[in-house]
PDB file of all heavy atoms in Angstrom:
ATOM      1  N   ASP A   1       0.816  -1.223   0.012  1.00  0.00           N
ATOM      2  CA  ASP A   1       0.006  -0.025   0.007  1.00  0.00           C
ATOM      3  C   ASP A   1       0.835   1.260   0.003  1.00  0.00           C
ATOM      4  O   ASP A   1       0.324   2.392   0.115  1.00  0.00           O
ATOM      5  CB  ASP A   1      -0.925   0.001   1.220  1.00  0.00           C
ATOM      6  CG  ASP A   1      -0.153  -0.162   2.528  1.00  0.00           C
ATOM      7  OD1 ASP A   1       1.080  -0.273   2.517  1.00  0.00           O
ATOM      8  OD2 ASP A   1      -0.817  -0.178   3.601  1.00  0.00           O
ATOM      9  N   LEU A   2       2.165   1.085  -0.159  1.00  0.00           N
ATOM     10  CA  LEU A   2       3.176   2.211  -0.139  1.00  0.00           C
ATOM     11  C   LEU A   2       3.246   2.905   1.210  1.00  0.00           C
ATOM     12  O   LEU A   2       3.839   3.979   1.327  1.00  0.00           O
ATOM     13  CB  LEU A   2       2.850   3.222  -1.220  1.00  0.00           C
ATOM     14  CG  LEU A   2       2.797   2.720  -2.672  1.00  0.00           C
ATOM     15  CD1 LEU A   2       2.697   3.903  -3.612  1.00  0.00           C
ATOM     16  CD2 LEU A   2       3.999   1.863  -3.007  1.00  0.00           C
ATOM     17  N   ASN A   3       2.680   2.320   2.247  1.00  0.00           N
ATOM     18  CA  ASN A   3       2.715   2.915   3.589  1.00  0.00           C
ATOM     19  C   ASN A   3       3.998   2.513   4.323  1.00  0.00           C
ATOM     20  O   ASN A   3       4.004   1.644   5.141  1.00  0.00           O
ATOM     21  CB  ASN A   3       1.492   2.515   4.379  1.00  0.00           C
ATOM     22  CG  ASN A   3       1.360   3.270   5.706  1.00  0.00           C
ATOM     23  OD1 ASN A   3       1.926   4.365   5.843  1.00  0.00           O
ATOM     24  ND2 ASN A   3       0.630   2.701   6.660  1.00  0.00           N
ATOM     25  N   VAL A   4       5.073   3.166   3.942  1.00  0.00           N
ATOM     26  CA  VAL A   4       6.401   2.815   4.447  1.00  0.00           C
ATOM     27  C   VAL A   4       6.540   3.142   5.922  1.00  0.00           C
ATOM     28  O   VAL A   4       6.224   4.270   6.357  1.00  0.00           O
ATOM     29  CB  VAL A   4       7.498   3.547   3.617  1.00  0.00           C
ATOM     30  CG1 VAL A   4       8.874   3.258   4.152  1.00  0.00           C
ATOM     31  CG2 VAL A   4       7.410   3.121   2.149  1.00  0.00           C
ATOM     32  N   ASP A   5       7.066   2.223   6.695  1.00  0.00           N
ATOM     33  CA  ASP A   5       7.311   2.410   8.138  1.00  0.00           C
ATOM     34  C   ASP A   5       8.676   2.996   8.301  1.00  0.00           C
ATOM     35  O   ASP A   5       9.717   2.290   8.220  1.00  0.00           O
ATOM     36  CB  ASP A   5       7.212   1.047   8.834  1.00  0.00           C
ATOM     37  CG  ASP A   5       7.351   1.148  10.341  1.00  0.00           C
ATOM     38  OD1 ASP A   5       7.957   2.139  10.834  1.00  0.00           O
ATOM     39  OD2 ASP A   5       6.901   0.255  11.050  1.00  0.00           O
ATOM     40  N   ALA A   6       8.795   4.275   8.519  1.00  0.00           N
ATOM     41  CA  ALA A   6      10.084   4.996   8.586  1.00  0.00           C
ATOM     42  C   ALA A   6      10.958   4.473   9.719  1.00  0.00           C
ATOM     43  O   ALA A   6      12.161   4.288   9.548  1.00  0.00           O
ATOM     44  CB  ALA A   6       9.848   6.491   8.743  1.00  0.00           C
ATOM     45  N   ASP A   7      10.365   4.198  10.869  1.00  0.00           N
ATOM     46  CA  ASP A   7      11.160   3.739  12.011  1.00  0.00           C
ATOM     47  C   ASP A   7      11.804   2.386  11.711  1.00  0.00           C
ATOM     48  O   ASP A   7      12.960   2.146  12.023  1.00  0.00           O
ATOM     49  CB  ASP A   7      10.300   3.621  13.264  1.00  0.00           C
ATOM     50  CG  ASP A   7       9.848   4.978  13.815  1.00  0.00           C
ATOM     51  OD1 ASP A   7      10.548   5.979  13.501  1.00  0.00           O
ATOM     52  OD2 ASP A   7       8.852   5.039  14.514  1.00  0.00           O
ATOM     53  N   ARG A   8      11.001   1.491  11.100  1.00  0.00           N
ATOM     54  CA  ARG A   8      11.523   0.175  10.747  1.00  0.00           C
ATOM     55  C   ARG A   8      12.645   0.304   9.736  1.00  0.00           C
ATOM     56  O   ARG A   8      13.678  -0.365   9.853  1.00  0.00           O
ATOM     57  CB  ARG A   8      10.392  -0.695  10.154  1.00  0.00           C
ATOM     58  CG  ARG A   8      10.826  -2.026   9.680  1.00  0.00           C
ATOM     59  CD  ARG A   8       9.713  -2.810   9.028  1.00  0.00           C
ATOM     60  NE  ARG A   8      10.139  -4.110   8.556  1.00  0.00           N
ATOM     61  CZ  ARG A   8       9.346  -5.000   7.980  1.00  0.00           C
ATOM     62  NH1 ARG A   8       8.067  -4.719   7.806  1.00  0.00           N
ATOM     63  NH2 ARG A   8       9.823  -6.151   7.576  1.00  0.00           N
ATOM     64  N   GLU A   9      12.468   1.146   8.737  1.00  0.00           N
ATOM     65  CA  GLU A   9      13.474   1.290   7.698  1.00  0.00           C
ATOM     66  C   GLU A   9      14.745   1.942   8.226  1.00  0.00           C
ATOM     67  O   GLU A   9      15.847   1.569   7.852  1.00  0.00           O
ATOM     68  CB  GLU A   9      12.902   2.106   6.536  1.00  0.00           C
ATOM     69  CG  GLU A   9      11.722   1.466   5.833  1.00  0.00           C
ATOM     70  CD  GLU A   9      12.042   0.081   5.276  1.00  0.00           C
ATOM     71  OE1 GLU A   9      13.025  -0.045   4.566  1.00  0.00           O
ATOM     72  OE2 GLU A   9      11.325  -0.864   5.644  1.00  0.00           O
ATOM     73  N   GLN A  10      14.593   2.911   9.112  1.00  0.00           N
ATOM     74  CA  GLN A  10      15.772   3.546   9.702  1.00  0.00           C
ATOM     75  C   GLN A  10      16.581   2.561  10.536  1.00  0.00           C
ATOM     76  O   GLN A  10      17.819   2.528  10.496  1.00  0.00           O
ATOM     77  CB  GLN A  10      15.360   4.735  10.529  1.00  0.00           C
ATOM     78  CG  GLN A  10      14.855   5.920   9.692  1.00  0.00           C
ATOM     79  CD  GLN A  10      14.340   7.066  10.553  1.00  0.00           C
ATOM     80  OE1 GLN A  10      14.264   6.982  11.775  1.00  0.00           O
ATOM     81  NE2 GLN A  10      13.968   8.172   9.899  1.00  0.00           N
ATOM     82  N   ALA A  11      15.890   1.695  11.249  1.00  0.00           N
ATOM     83  CA  ALA A  11      16.588   0.674  12.049  1.00  0.00           C
ATOM     84  C   ALA A  11      17.350  -0.271  11.112  1.00  0.00           C
ATOM     85  O   ALA A  11      18.497  -0.660  11.465  1.00  0.00           O
ATOM     86  CB  ALA A  11      15.554  -0.108  12.862  1.00  0.00           C
ATOM     87  N   LEU A  12      16.774  -0.631   9.978  1.00  0.00           N
ATOM     88  CA  LEU A  12      17.485  -1.485   9.014  1.00  0.00           C
ATOM     89  C   LEU A  12      18.732  -0.816   8.499  1.00  0.00           C
ATOM     90  O   LEU A  12      19.792  -1.424   8.340  1.00  0.00           O
ATOM     91  CB  LEU A  12      16.537  -1.829   7.844  1.00  0.00           C
ATOM     92  CG  LEU A  12      15.746  -3.105   7.885  1.00  0.00           C
ATOM     93  CD1 LEU A  12      14.833  -3.211   6.692  1.00  0.00           C
ATOM     94  CD2 LEU A  12      16.663  -4.340   7.982  1.00  0.00           C
ATOM     95  N   LEU A  13      18.591   0.479   8.164  1.00  0.00           N
ATOM     96  CA  LEU A  13      19.759   1.220   7.628  1.00  0.00           C
ATOM     97  C   LEU A  13      20.893   1.220   8.641  1.00  0.00           C
ATOM     98  O   LEU A  13      22.055   1.071   8.283  1.00  0.00           O
ATOM     99  CB  LEU A  13      19.342   2.648   7.279  1.00  0.00           C
ATOM    100  CG  LEU A  13      18.401   2.797   6.091  1.00  0.00           C
ATOM    101  CD1 LEU A  13      17.981   4.271   5.924  1.00  0.00           C
ATOM    102  CD2 LEU A  13      19.032   2.284   4.810  1.00  0.00           C
ATOM    103  N   LEU A  14      20.595   1.391   9.901  1.00  0.00           N
ATOM    104  CA  LEU A  14      21.595   1.510  10.919  1.00  0.00           C
ATOM    105  C   LEU A  14      22.346   0.175  11.082  1.00  0.00           C
ATOM    106  O   LEU A  14      23.513   0.124  11.528  1.00  0.00           O
ATOM    107  CB  LEU A  14      20.978   1.913  12.278  1.00  0.00           C
ATOM    108  CG  LEU A  14      20.472   3.366  12.329  1.00  0.00           C
ATOM    109  CD1 LEU A  14      19.816   3.578  13.689  1.00  0.00           C
ATOM    110  CD2 LEU A  14      21.589   4.349  12.091  1.00  0.00           C
ATOM    111  N   GLN A  15      21.709  -0.939  10.712  1.00  0.00           N
ATOM    112  CA  GLN A  15      22.286  -2.270  10.858  1.00  0.00           C
ATOM    113  C   GLN A  15      23.200  -2.665   9.695  1.00  0.00           C
ATOM    114  O   GLN A  15      23.824  -3.692   9.741  1.00  0.00           O
ATOM    115  CB  GLN A  15      21.189  -3.295  11.009  1.00  0.00           C
ATOM    116  CG  GLN A  15      20.351  -3.186  12.259  1.00  0.00           C
ATOM    117  CD  GLN A  15      19.081  -3.990  12.176  1.00  0.00           C
ATOM    118  OE1 GLN A  15      18.974  -4.919  11.398  1.00  0.00           O
ATOM    119  NE2 GLN A  15      18.091  -3.654  13.033  1.00  0.00           N
ATOM    120  N   HIS A  16      23.253  -1.816   8.654  1.00  0.00           N
ATOM    121  CA  HIS A  16      24.013  -2.176   7.440  1.00  0.00           C
ATOM    122  C   HIS A  16      24.995  -1.067   7.074  1.00  0.00           C
ATOM    123  O   HIS A  16      24.814   0.117   7.413  1.00  0.00           O
ATOM    124  CB  HIS A  16      23.029  -2.418   6.298  1.00  0.00           C
ATOM    125  CG  HIS A  16      22.209  -3.647   6.509  1.00  0.00           C
ATOM    126  ND1 HIS A  16      21.060  -3.632   7.267  1.00  0.00           N
ATOM    127  CD2 HIS A  16      22.343  -4.929   6.071  1.00  0.00           C
ATOM    128  CE1 HIS A  16      20.525  -4.843   7.317  1.00  0.00           C
ATOM    129  NE2 HIS A  16      21.285  -5.656   6.585  1.00  0.00           N
ATOM    130  N   ASP A  17      26.032  -1.476   6.345  1.00  0.00           N
ATOM    131  CA  ASP A  17      27.099  -0.578   5.938  1.00  0.00           C
ATOM    132  C   ASP A  17      26.927  -0.061   4.502  1.00  0.00           C
ATOM    133  O   ASP A  17      27.358   1.038   4.161  1.00  0.00           O
ATOM    134  CB  ASP A  17      28.449  -1.261   6.036  1.00  0.00           C
ATOM    135  CG  ASP A  17      28.652  -1.909   7.408  1.00  0.00           C
ATOM    136  OD1 ASP A  17      28.697  -1.164   8.393  1.00  0.00           O
ATOM    137  OD2 ASP A  17      28.689  -3.144   7.471  1.00  0.00           O
ATOM    138  N   ILE A  18      26.347  -0.888   3.638  1.00  0.00           N
ATOM    139  CA  ILE A  18      26.195  -0.565   2.220  1.00  0.00           C
ATOM    140  C   ILE A  18      24.713  -0.706   1.835  1.00  0.00           C
ATOM    141  O   ILE A  18      24.088  -1.726   2.109  1.00  0.00           O
ATOM    142  CB  ILE A  18      27.034  -1.515   1.331  1.00  0.00           C
ATOM    143  CG1 ILE A  18      28.515  -1.378   1.688  1.00  0.00           C
ATOM    144  CG2 ILE A  18      26.819  -1.214  -0.153  1.00  0.00           C
ATOM    145  CD1 ILE A  18      29.398  -2.422   1.011  1.00  0.00           C
ATOM    146  N   ILE A  19      24.149   0.331   1.245  1.00  0.00           N
ATOM    147  CA  ILE A  19      22.740   0.374   0.890  1.00  0.00           C
ATOM    148  C   ILE A  19      22.634   0.423  -0.633  1.00  0.00           C
ATOM    149  O   ILE A  19      23.129   1.362  -1.271  1.00  0.00           O
ATOM    150  CB  ILE A  19      22.016   1.627   1.447  1.00  0.00           C
ATOM    151  CG1 ILE A  19      22.445   1.898   2.894  1.00  0.00           C
ATOM    152  CG2 ILE A  19      20.508   1.524   1.282  1.00  0.00           C
ATOM    153  CD1 ILE A  19      22.177   0.780   3.874  1.00  0.00           C
ATOM    154  N   LEU A  20      22.011  -0.612  -1.206  1.00  0.00           N
ATOM    155  CA  LEU A  20      21.863  -0.667  -2.656  1.00  0.00           C
ATOM    156  C   LEU A  20      20.387  -0.650  -3.056  1.00  0.00           C
ATOM    157  O   LEU A  20      19.575  -1.453  -2.557  1.00  0.00           O
ATOM    158  CB  LEU A  20      22.512  -1.938  -3.226  1.00  0.00           C
ATOM    159  CG  LEU A  20      24.005  -2.112  -2.972  1.00  0.00           C
ATOM    160  CD1 LEU A  20      24.503  -3.458  -3.508  1.00  0.00           C
ATOM    161  CD2 LEU A  20      24.789  -0.971  -3.622  1.00  0.00           C
ATOM    162  N   PHE A  21      20.015   0.257  -3.965  1.00  0.00           N
ATOM    163  CA  PHE A  21      18.689   0.292  -4.517  1.00  0.00           C
ATOM    164  C   PHE A  21      18.673  -0.539  -5.770  1.00  0.00           C
ATOM    165  O   PHE A  21      19.316  -0.193  -6.772  1.00  0.00           O
ATOM    166  CB  PHE A  21      18.260   1.742  -4.869  1.00  0.00           C
ATOM    167  CG  PHE A  21      18.083   2.661  -3.691  1.00  0.00           C
ATOM    168  CD1 PHE A  21      19.086   3.524  -3.275  1.00  0.00           C
ATOM    169  CD2 PHE A  21      16.906   2.616  -2.964  1.00  0.00           C
ATOM    170  CE1 PHE A  21      18.927   4.361  -2.199  1.00  0.00           C
ATOM    171  CE2 PHE A  21      16.721   3.477  -1.866  1.00  0.00           C
ATOM    172  CZ  PHE A  21      17.741   4.338  -1.481  1.00  0.00           C
ATOM    173  N   GLN A  22      17.983  -1.661  -5.772  1.00  0.00           N
ATOM    174  CA  GLN A  22      17.895  -2.515  -6.972  1.00  0.00           C
ATOM    175  C   GLN A  22      16.528  -2.345  -7.596  1.00  0.00           C
ATOM    176  O   GLN A  22      15.485  -2.596  -6.957  1.00  0.00           O
ATOM    177  CB  GLN A  22      18.119  -3.983  -6.550  1.00  0.00           C
ATOM    178  CG  GLN A  22      18.061  -4.935  -7.779  1.00  0.00           C
ATOM    179  CD  GLN A  22      18.271  -6.388  -7.437  1.00  0.00           C
ATOM    180  OE1 GLN A  22      18.835  -6.718  -6.422  1.00  0.00           O
ATOM    181  NE2 GLN A  22      17.803  -7.250  -8.332  1.00  0.00           N
ATOM    182  N   HIS A  23      16.533  -2.003  -8.897  1.00  0.00           N
ATOM    183  CA  HIS A  23      15.277  -1.698  -9.550  1.00  0.00           C
ATOM    184  C   HIS A  23      15.480  -1.606 -11.063  1.00  0.00           C
ATOM    185  O   HIS A  23      16.557  -1.347 -11.571  1.00  0.00           O
ATOM    186  CB  HIS A  23      14.716  -0.357  -9.047  1.00  0.00           C
ATOM    187  CG  HIS A  23      15.663   0.787  -9.197  1.00  0.00           C
ATOM    188  ND1 HIS A  23      15.702   1.584 -10.332  1.00  0.00           N
ATOM    189  CD2 HIS A  23      16.676   1.249  -8.404  1.00  0.00           C
ATOM    190  CE1 HIS A  23      16.648   2.499 -10.191  1.00  0.00           C
ATOM    191  NE2 HIS A  23      17.271   2.317  -9.035  1.00  0.00           N
ATOM    192  N   PRO A  24      14.351  -1.740 -11.833  1.00  0.00           N
ATOM    193  CA  PRO A  24      14.423  -1.451 -13.245  1.00  0.00           C
ATOM    194  C   PRO A  24      14.533   0.049 -13.416  1.00  0.00           C
ATOM    195  O   PRO A  24      14.057   0.844 -12.580  1.00  0.00           O
ATOM    196  CB  PRO A  24      13.104  -1.986 -13.785  1.00  0.00           C
ATOM    197  CG  PRO A  24      12.164  -1.977 -12.608  1.00  0.00           C
ATOM    198  CD  PRO A  24      13.043  -2.251 -11.412  1.00  0.00           C
ATOM    199  N   PHE A  25      15.115   0.473 -14.497  1.00  0.00           N
ATOM    200  CA  PHE A  25      15.368   1.919 -14.768  1.00  0.00           C
ATOM    201  C   PHE A  25      14.131   2.502 -15.471  1.00  0.00           C
ATOM    202  O   PHE A  25      14.153   2.698 -16.669  1.00  0.00           O
ATOM    203  CB  PHE A  25      16.647   2.058 -15.588  1.00  0.00           C
ATOM    204  CG  PHE A  25      17.289   3.400 -15.493  1.00  0.00           C
ATOM    205  CD1 PHE A  25      17.466   3.997 -14.255  1.00  0.00           C
ATOM    206  CD2 PHE A  25      17.770   4.051 -16.597  1.00  0.00           C
ATOM    207  CE1 PHE A  25      18.107   5.228 -14.128  1.00  0.00           C
ATOM    208  CE2 PHE A  25      18.402   5.285 -16.500  1.00  0.00           C
ATOM    209  CZ  PHE A  25      18.561   5.874 -15.278  1.00  0.00           C
ATOM    210  N   TYR A  26      13.078   2.750 -14.706  1.00  0.00           N
ATOM    211  CA  TYR A  26      11.825   3.231 -15.250  1.00  0.00           C
ATOM    212  C   TYR A  26      11.899   4.727 -15.566  1.00  0.00           C
ATOM    213  O   TYR A  26      12.129   5.520 -14.649  1.00  0.00           O
ATOM    214  CB  TYR A  26      10.675   2.989 -14.273  1.00  0.00           C
ATOM    215  CG  TYR A  26      10.123   1.563 -14.253  1.00  0.00           C
ATOM    216  CD1 TYR A  26       9.140   1.219 -13.356  1.00  0.00           C
ATOM    217  CD2 TYR A  26      10.610   0.563 -15.110  1.00  0.00           C
ATOM    218  CE1 TYR A  26       8.591  -0.049 -13.323  1.00  0.00           C
ATOM    219  CE2 TYR A  26      10.119  -0.698 -15.069  1.00  0.00           C
ATOM    220  CZ  TYR A  26       9.096  -1.025 -14.218  1.00  0.00           C
ATOM    221  OH  TYR A  26       8.598  -2.307 -14.146  1.00  0.00           O
ATOM    222  N   TRP A  27      11.679   5.099 -16.797  1.00  0.00           N
ATOM    223  CA  TRP A  27      11.675   6.515 -17.179  1.00  0.00           C
ATOM    224  C   TRP A  27      12.831   7.296 -16.570  1.00  0.00           C
ATOM    225  O   TRP A  27      12.658   8.337 -15.943  1.00  0.00           O
ATOM    226  CB  TRP A  27      10.339   7.178 -16.841  1.00  0.00           C
ATOM    227  CG  TRP A  27       9.262   6.753 -17.759  1.00  0.00           C
ATOM    228  CD1 TRP A  27       8.260   5.858 -17.521  1.00  0.00           C
ATOM    229  CD2 TRP A  27       9.084   7.158 -19.138  1.00  0.00           C
ATOM    230  NE1 TRP A  27       7.475   5.678 -18.624  1.00  0.00           N
ATOM    231  CE2 TRP A  27       7.963   6.474 -19.653  1.00  0.00           C
ATOM    232  CE3 TRP A  27       9.802   8.042 -19.971  1.00  0.00           C
ATOM    233  CZ2 TRP A  27       7.532   6.638 -20.963  1.00  0.00           C
ATOM    234  CZ3 TRP A  27       9.358   8.192 -21.279  1.00  0.00           C
ATOM    235  CH2 TRP A  27       8.245   7.512 -21.747  1.00  0.00           C
ATOM    236  N   TYR A  28      14.047   6.718 -16.727  1.00  0.00           N
ATOM    237  CA  TYR A  28      15.269   7.330 -16.287  1.00  0.00           C
ATOM    238  C   TYR A  28      15.327   7.486 -14.784  1.00  0.00           C
ATOM    239  O   TYR A  28      16.061   8.313 -14.239  1.00  0.00           O
ATOM    240  CB  TYR A  28      15.484   8.707 -16.928  1.00  0.00           C
ATOM    241  CG  TYR A  28      15.325   8.653 -18.444  1.00  0.00           C
ATOM    242  CD1 TYR A  28      14.252   9.269 -19.061  1.00  0.00           C
ATOM    243  CD2 TYR A  28      16.218   7.956 -19.248  1.00  0.00           C
ATOM    244  CE1 TYR A  28      14.076   9.195 -20.455  1.00  0.00           C
ATOM    245  CE2 TYR A  28      16.055   7.893 -20.604  1.00  0.00           C
ATOM    246  CZ  TYR A  28      14.981   8.519 -21.208  1.00  0.00           C
ATOM    247  OH  TYR A  28      14.843   8.449 -22.576  1.00  0.00           O
ATOM    248  N   SER A  29      14.546   6.699 -14.065  1.00  0.00           N
ATOM    249  CA  SER A  29      14.508   6.808 -12.625  1.00  0.00           C
ATOM    250  C   SER A  29      14.167   5.449 -12.031  1.00  0.00           C
ATOM    251  O   SER A  29      14.514   4.426 -12.561  1.00  0.00           O
ATOM    252  CB  SER A  29      13.490   7.876 -12.210  1.00  0.00           C
ATOM    253  OG  SER A  29      13.522   8.140 -10.814  1.00  0.00           O
ATOM    254  N   ALA A  30      13.463   5.489 -10.894  1.00  0.00           N
ATOM    255  CA  ALA A  30      13.138   4.245 -10.179  1.00  0.00           C
ATOM    256  C   ALA A  30      11.641   4.124  -9.977  1.00  0.00           C
ATOM    257  O   ALA A  30      10.895   5.144 -10.080  1.00  0.00           O
ATOM    258  CB  ALA A  30      13.827   4.279  -8.797  1.00  0.00           C
ATOM    259  N   PRO A  31      11.140   2.935  -9.690  1.00  0.00           N
ATOM    260  CA  PRO A  31       9.703   2.743  -9.376  1.00  0.00           C
ATOM    261  C   PRO A  31       9.268   3.662  -8.227  1.00  0.00           C
ATOM    262  O   PRO A  31      10.068   4.029  -7.371  1.00  0.00           O
ATOM    263  CB  PRO A  31       9.609   1.256  -8.990  1.00  0.00           C
ATOM    264  CG  PRO A  31      10.713   0.610  -9.763  1.00  0.00           C
ATOM    265  CD  PRO A  31      11.832   1.640  -9.722  1.00  0.00           C
ATOM    266  N   ALA A  32       7.996   3.953  -8.169  1.00  0.00           N
ATOM    267  CA  ALA A  32       7.454   4.976  -7.254  1.00  0.00           C
ATOM    268  C   ALA A  32       7.759   4.722  -5.782  1.00  0.00           C
ATOM    269  O   ALA A  32       7.961   5.685  -5.024  1.00  0.00           O
ATOM    270  CB  ALA A  32       5.946   5.099  -7.470  1.00  0.00           C
ATOM    271  N   ILE A  33       7.802   3.467  -5.391  1.00  0.00           N
ATOM    272  CA  ILE A  33       7.975   3.230  -3.954  1.00  0.00           C
ATOM    273  C   ILE A  33       9.358   3.664  -3.430  1.00  0.00           C
ATOM    274  O   ILE A  33       9.517   3.940  -2.254  1.00  0.00           O
ATOM    275  CB  ILE A  33       7.737   1.712  -3.615  1.00  0.00           C
ATOM    276  CG1 ILE A  33       7.493   1.545  -2.087  1.00  0.00           C
ATOM    277  CG2 ILE A  33       8.895   0.840  -4.094  1.00  0.00           C
ATOM    278  CD1 ILE A  33       6.967   0.179  -1.724  1.00  0.00           C
ATOM    279  N   ILE A  34      10.330   3.727  -4.301  1.00  0.00           N
ATOM    280  CA  ILE A  34      11.659   4.168  -3.871  1.00  0.00           C
ATOM    281  C   ILE A  34      11.610   5.684  -3.532  1.00  0.00           C
ATOM    282  O   ILE A  34      12.187   6.124  -2.524  1.00  0.00           O
ATOM    283  CB  ILE A  34      12.715   3.886  -4.910  1.00  0.00           C
ATOM    284  CG1 ILE A  34      12.997   2.373  -4.926  1.00  0.00           C
ATOM    285  CG2 ILE A  34      14.020   4.648  -4.599  1.00  0.00           C
ATOM    286  CD1 ILE A  34      14.107   1.931  -5.874  1.00  0.00           C
ATOM    287  N   LYS A  35      10.883   6.457  -4.326  1.00  0.00           N
ATOM    288  CA  LYS A  35      10.697   7.880  -4.001  1.00  0.00           C
ATOM    289  C   LYS A  35       9.947   8.042  -2.677  1.00  0.00           C
ATOM    290  O   LYS A  35      10.265   8.874  -1.829  1.00  0.00           O
ATOM    291  CB  LYS A  35       9.991   8.625  -5.140  1.00  0.00           C
ATOM    292  CG  LYS A  35       9.825  10.122  -4.895  1.00  0.00           C
ATOM    293  CD  LYS A  35      11.161  10.802  -4.849  1.00  0.00           C
ATOM    294  CE  LYS A  35      11.050  12.317  -4.960  1.00  0.00           C
ATOM    295  NZ  LYS A  35      10.319  12.924  -3.804  1.00  0.00           N
ATOM    296  N   GLN A  36       8.892   7.206  -2.515  1.00  0.00           N
ATOM    297  CA  GLN A  36       8.120   7.247  -1.270  1.00  0.00           C
ATOM    298  C   GLN A  36       9.016   6.878  -0.108  1.00  0.00           C
ATOM    299  O   GLN A  36       8.963   7.528   0.956  1.00  0.00           O
ATOM    300  CB  GLN A  36       6.958   6.239  -1.381  1.00  0.00           C
ATOM    301  CG  GLN A  36       6.104   6.099  -0.125  1.00  0.00           C
ATOM    302  CD  GLN A  36       5.133   7.214   0.069  1.00  0.00           C
ATOM    303  OE1 GLN A  36       5.251   8.310  -0.518  1.00  0.00           O
ATOM    304  NE2 GLN A  36       4.109   6.993   0.889  1.00  0.00           N
ATOM    305  N   TRP A  37       9.849   5.886  -0.269  1.00  0.00           N
ATOM    306  CA  TRP A  37      10.774   5.470   0.763  1.00  0.00           C
ATOM    307  C   TRP A  37      11.705   6.615   1.140  1.00  0.00           C
ATOM    308  O   TRP A  37      11.931   6.933   2.328  1.00  0.00           O
ATOM    309  CB  TRP A  37      11.556   4.260   0.305  1.00  0.00           C
ATOM    310  CG  TRP A  37      12.503   3.662   1.280  1.00  0.00           C
ATOM    311  CD1 TRP A  37      12.258   2.599   2.104  1.00  0.00           C
ATOM    312  CD2 TRP A  37      13.857   4.062   1.563  1.00  0.00           C
ATOM    313  NE1 TRP A  37      13.380   2.325   2.871  1.00  0.00           N
ATOM    314  CE2 TRP A  37      14.354   3.196   2.544  1.00  0.00           C
ATOM    315  CE3 TRP A  37      14.662   5.076   1.053  1.00  0.00           C
ATOM    316  CZ2 TRP A  37      15.659   3.309   3.060  1.00  0.00           C
ATOM    317  CZ3 TRP A  37      15.945   5.206   1.554  1.00  0.00           C
ATOM    318  CH2 TRP A  37      16.420   4.339   2.534  1.00  0.00           C
ATOM    319  N   GLN A  38      12.282   7.253   0.141  1.00  0.00           N
ATOM    320  CA  GLN A  38      13.208   8.378   0.380  1.00  0.00           C
ATOM    321  C   GLN A  38      12.514   9.492   1.140  1.00  0.00           C
ATOM    322  O   GLN A  38      13.057  10.076   2.082  1.00  0.00           O
ATOM    323  CB  GLN A  38      13.784   8.897  -0.917  1.00  0.00           C
ATOM    324  CG  GLN A  38      14.725   7.901  -1.590  1.00  0.00           C
ATOM    325  CD  GLN A  38      15.141   8.357  -2.988  1.00  0.00           C
ATOM    326  OE1 GLN A  38      14.392   8.999  -3.695  1.00  0.00           O
ATOM    327  NE2 GLN A  38      16.376   8.030  -3.348  1.00  0.00           N
ATOM    328  N   ASP A  39      11.310   9.857   0.688  1.00  0.00           N
ATOM    329  CA  ASP A  39      10.574  10.971   1.290  1.00  0.00           C
ATOM    330  C   ASP A  39      10.274  10.725   2.761  1.00  0.00           C
ATOM    331  O   ASP A  39      10.308  11.675   3.590  1.00  0.00           O
ATOM    332  CB  ASP A  39       9.234  11.199   0.573  1.00  0.00           C
ATOM    333  CG  ASP A  39       9.418  11.740  -0.840  1.00  0.00           C
ATOM    334  OD1 ASP A  39      10.507  12.246  -1.133  1.00  0.00           O
ATOM    335  OD2 ASP A  39       8.439  11.696  -1.622  1.00  0.00           O
TER     336      ASP A  39
END
């Protein structure tokens, strides 16, 4: 539903050293949920 849990995601980021966004290159960018995640 694109309802990203920011606290959960931040905790995941803190547990890792390298963050990779894997996705098809849609319209010179990424699928919508990655923008939602970033926001």
